Protein backbone atom coordinates (compact mmCIF):
# COMPACT_ATOMS: atom_id res chain seq x y z
CA UNK A 1 79.25 95.81 94.45
CA UNK A 2 78.01 97.81 92.01
CA UNK A 3 81.04 100.07 90.96
CA UNK A 4 79.68 104.17 91.27
CA UNK A 5 79.07 106.38 88.02
CA UNK A 6 80.07 110.12 88.50
CA UNK A 7 79.31 113.16 86.22
CA UNK A 8 81.39 114.10 84.30
CA UNK A 9 81.77 117.19 86.66
CA UNK A 10 82.22 115.44 90.00
CA UNK A 11 84.64 113.34 86.96
CA UNK A 12 86.58 116.44 86.80
CA UNK A 13 87.18 117.10 90.43
CA UNK A 14 88.23 113.81 90.25
CA UNK A 15 91.50 114.58 87.89
CA UNK A 16 92.24 117.72 89.69
CA UNK A 17 92.86 116.15 93.07
CA UNK A 18 94.50 113.35 92.35
CA UNK A 19 96.67 115.40 89.60
CA UNK A 20 99.16 116.29 92.94
CA UNK A 21 99.19 112.84 93.57
CA UNK A 22 102.34 110.07 94.29
CA UNK A 23 101.98 106.62 92.45
CA UNK A 24 101.07 104.34 95.07
CA UNK A 25 100.87 100.70 94.06
CA UNK A 26 103.39 99.82 91.21
CA UNK A 27 102.56 96.61 88.62
CA UNK A 28 105.66 95.21 87.25
CA UNK A 29 105.75 93.23 84.23
CA UNK A 30 104.42 90.61 86.38
CA UNK A 31 100.59 91.47 86.04
CA UNK A 32 98.39 91.66 88.76
CA UNK A 33 98.98 89.64 92.02
CA UNK A 34 97.16 88.53 94.94
CA UNK A 35 99.53 91.19 96.55
CA UNK A 36 98.51 94.30 94.15
CA UNK A 37 94.88 93.74 94.44
CA UNK A 38 95.47 93.56 98.78
CA UNK A 39 98.06 96.34 98.43
CA UNK A 40 95.34 98.24 96.48
CA UNK A 41 92.01 97.12 97.96
CA UNK A 42 93.87 98.88 101.54
CA UNK A 43 95.00 102.36 99.40
CA UNK A 44 91.67 102.33 98.11
CA UNK A 45 89.77 101.97 101.72
CA UNK A 46 92.31 105.01 102.80
CA UNK A 47 92.55 107.19 100.16
CA UNK A 48 89.56 106.76 97.83
CA UNK A 49 91.68 108.37 95.19
CA UNK A 50 95.13 106.42 94.08
CA UNK A 51 97.69 106.49 91.25
CA UNK A 52 98.75 102.65 90.32
CA UNK A 53 102.29 102.71 88.03
CA UNK A 54 102.36 100.15 85.25
CA UNK A 55 105.26 99.45 84.05
CA UNK A 56 104.85 97.68 80.80
CA UNK A 57 105.82 99.29 77.35
CA UNK A 58 103.08 98.37 76.09
CA UNK A 59 100.16 100.64 75.77
CA UNK A 60 97.34 97.85 75.27
CA UNK A 61 99.07 95.29 78.07
CA UNK A 62 99.11 99.03 80.75
CA UNK A 63 95.01 99.82 79.24
CA UNK A 64 93.06 95.84 80.14
CA UNK A 65 96.05 96.28 83.90
CA UNK A 66 94.37 99.19 85.19
CA UNK A 67 91.19 97.57 84.46
CA UNK A 68 91.37 94.46 85.13
CA UNK A 69 92.94 96.14 89.56
CA UNK A 70 90.34 98.75 89.09
CA UNK A 71 87.32 95.28 88.56
CA UNK A 72 89.08 93.31 91.29
CA UNK A 73 88.55 95.58 93.47
CA UNK A 74 85.38 97.18 92.10
CA UNK A 75 86.50 100.42 91.47
CA UNK A 76 86.66 103.10 88.79
CA UNK A 77 89.88 104.36 86.84
CA UNK A 78 89.74 107.64 85.59
CA UNK A 79 92.34 108.17 84.41
CA UNK A 80 95.16 107.26 82.35
CA UNK A 81 98.08 109.33 80.82
CA UNK A 82 101.54 107.29 79.78
CA UNK A 83 102.02 104.65 82.47
CA UNK A 84 100.41 106.11 85.50
CA UNK A 85 96.47 105.66 86.81
CA UNK A 86 93.95 106.98 87.94
CA UNK A 87 91.73 104.43 90.56
CA UNK A 88 88.87 105.94 92.79
CA UNK A 89 86.57 104.09 95.19
CA UNK A 90 84.39 106.04 97.69
CA UNK A 91 84.70 105.29 100.58
CA UNK A 92 81.97 106.19 103.14
CA UNK A 93 83.37 105.33 106.09
CA UNK A 94 87.40 106.47 104.99
CA UNK A 95 89.41 108.07 107.59
CA UNK A 96 89.14 112.29 106.86
CA UNK A 97 92.88 112.52 107.93
CA UNK A 98 94.45 109.81 105.69
CA UNK A 99 91.33 110.31 102.90
CA UNK A 100 92.46 112.62 99.74
CA UNK A 101 88.94 113.33 99.04
CA UNK A 102 88.74 114.84 102.11
CA UNK A 103 91.94 117.06 102.85
CA UNK A 104 90.98 118.65 98.59
CA UNK A 105 87.85 119.57 100.16
CA UNK A 106 89.02 120.41 103.22
CA UNK A 107 91.46 123.03 102.15
CA UNK A 108 89.45 123.93 99.90
CA UNK A 109 86.33 125.15 102.39
CA UNK A 110 90.28 126.58 104.28
CA UNK A 111 90.56 128.68 100.70
CA UNK A 112 94.12 127.18 100.51
C-alpha cells in the first residue's frame, strides 16, 4: 500500500485536530510487538488520526519506533513532540462517529 502524500496546509490542519487528542496506543521500552501493531491498526481504522506514546528516554529510539510503527501500519508520522507522535492514515469507509477527522469537520461546519 502506498503512503498518502499530504500538502503542507492539510498537514497543518491535521496537527491542529490532533492537538486535542489523547494517546490511544502506548509503546513500552520493549518496543513494537504484534499486539501493538494490531491495536494501532484498529485505532487508525476507527479514528484515522491518532496519538501514540513511546516510553523510551532516548529520542533516537522514539523516532525509530514511531517510524517503524507507521511503516507497519501504512500510515504517516505527522508530528513528534517528546514521547508523543501523531499518526495518520485515511480511511474512506471510516465510521463518522469514531473518526477524529469527520468529527472535526462536523464541528467546523456547525461553527463550533
